[in-house]
Amino acid sequence: MKFRVWDIRKKRWLDNHLAEFVLECQNKGELSNLVYCDLEGFALGQDGDLYILDECGNYAYLDKKYYHIVLDFDQ
């Protein structure tokens, strides 16, 4: 299943601005365990929670107030 992530606050596709988003969050003291310059992408949990992954094996839960998930049924 393919999906895209919409940034509610900035009204943009979050997958196109992921490093910028993580860096903004880290400046606010959030998502501090991620390496913003080495991000892998997103993962959906079984319960519908969204996680951001980096290539070092770290992950962070993303609060639902930040995003909407848009399923891509054309793929």
Protein backbone atom coordinates (compact mmCIF):
# COMPACT_ATOMS: atom_id res chain seq x y z
CA MET A 1 0.00 0.00 0.00
CA LYS A 2 1.35 3.40 -0.92
CA PHE A 3 0.45 6.56 0.91
CA ARG A 4 1.44 10.20 1.20
CA VAL A 5 1.58 12.36 4.31
CA TRP A 6 0.05 15.86 4.40
CA ASP A 7 1.51 18.41 6.84
CA ILE A 8 -1.53 20.10 8.40
CA ARG A 9 0.28 23.13 9.80
CA LYS A 10 2.31 24.13 6.74
CA LYS A 11 -0.10 22.77 4.12
CA ARG A 12 2.48 20.77 2.17
CA TRP A 13 3.33 17.16 1.42
CA LEU A 14 5.45 16.09 4.34
CA ASP A 15 7.25 13.38 2.39
CA ASN A 16 8.73 16.10 0.14
CA HIS A 17 9.97 18.12 3.16
CA LEU A 18 10.76 15.39 5.69
CA ALA A 19 14.29 16.49 6.68
CA GLU A 20 13.15 20.10 7.04
CA PHE A 21 10.18 19.01 9.18
CA VAL A 22 12.33 16.84 11.48
CA LEU A 23 14.86 19.65 11.89
CA GLU A 24 12.05 22.09 12.79
CA CYS A 25 10.75 19.61 15.39
CA GLN A 26 14.24 19.06 16.82
CA ASN A 27 14.62 22.82 17.28
CA LYS A 28 11.45 22.60 19.44
CA GLY A 29 12.84 19.65 21.42
CA GLU A 30 10.82 16.97 19.61
CA LEU A 31 11.97 13.95 17.56
CA SER A 32 15.45 14.35 19.05
CA ASN A 33 16.43 10.70 18.53
CA LEU A 34 16.34 10.95 14.71
CA VAL A 35 19.28 11.78 12.46
CA TYR A 36 17.59 14.43 10.29
CA CYS A 37 20.17 14.25 7.49
CA ASP A 38 19.83 10.45 7.15
CA LEU A 39 16.07 9.81 7.06
CA GLU A 40 14.59 6.69 5.52
CA GLY A 41 10.89 7.60 5.39
CA PHE A 42 7.62 6.60 7.06
CA ALA A 43 6.09 3.46 8.47
CA LEU A 44 2.50 2.79 9.45
CA GLY A 45 1.83 0.82 12.60
CA GLN A 46 -0.92 -1.79 12.81
CA ASP A 47 -3.07 0.66 14.73
CA GLY A 48 -2.62 3.40 12.11
CA ASP A 49 0.08 5.33 13.94
CA LEU A 50 2.72 6.99 11.78
CA TYR A 51 6.44 6.66 12.48
CA ILE A 52 9.41 8.44 10.93
CA LEU A 53 12.46 6.20 10.40
CA ASP A 54 16.11 7.04 9.90
CA GLU A 55 18.78 4.85 8.33
CA CYS A 56 20.46 4.26 11.71
CA GLY A 57 17.52 2.21 12.98
CA ASN A 58 15.94 4.99 15.04
CA TYR A 59 12.26 5.79 14.81
CA ALA A 60 9.87 8.33 16.30
CA TYR A 61 6.11 8.40 16.68
CA LEU A 62 4.49 11.36 14.97
CA ASP A 63 1.59 12.99 16.81
CA LYS A 64 -1.65 12.93 14.81
CA LYS A 65 -2.08 16.70 15.18
CA TYR A 66 0.68 17.16 12.57
CA TYR A 67 -0.56 15.14 9.62
CA HIS A 68 -3.19 13.41 7.50
CA ILE A 69 -2.46 10.15 5.70
CA VAL A 70 -3.66 10.06 2.09
CA LEU A 71 -3.86 6.58 0.58
CA ASP A 72 -2.75 6.19 -3.03
CA PHE A 73 -5.10 3.68 -4.66
CA ASP A 74 -3.74 4.26 -8.18
CA GLN A 75 -0.54 2.31 -7.47
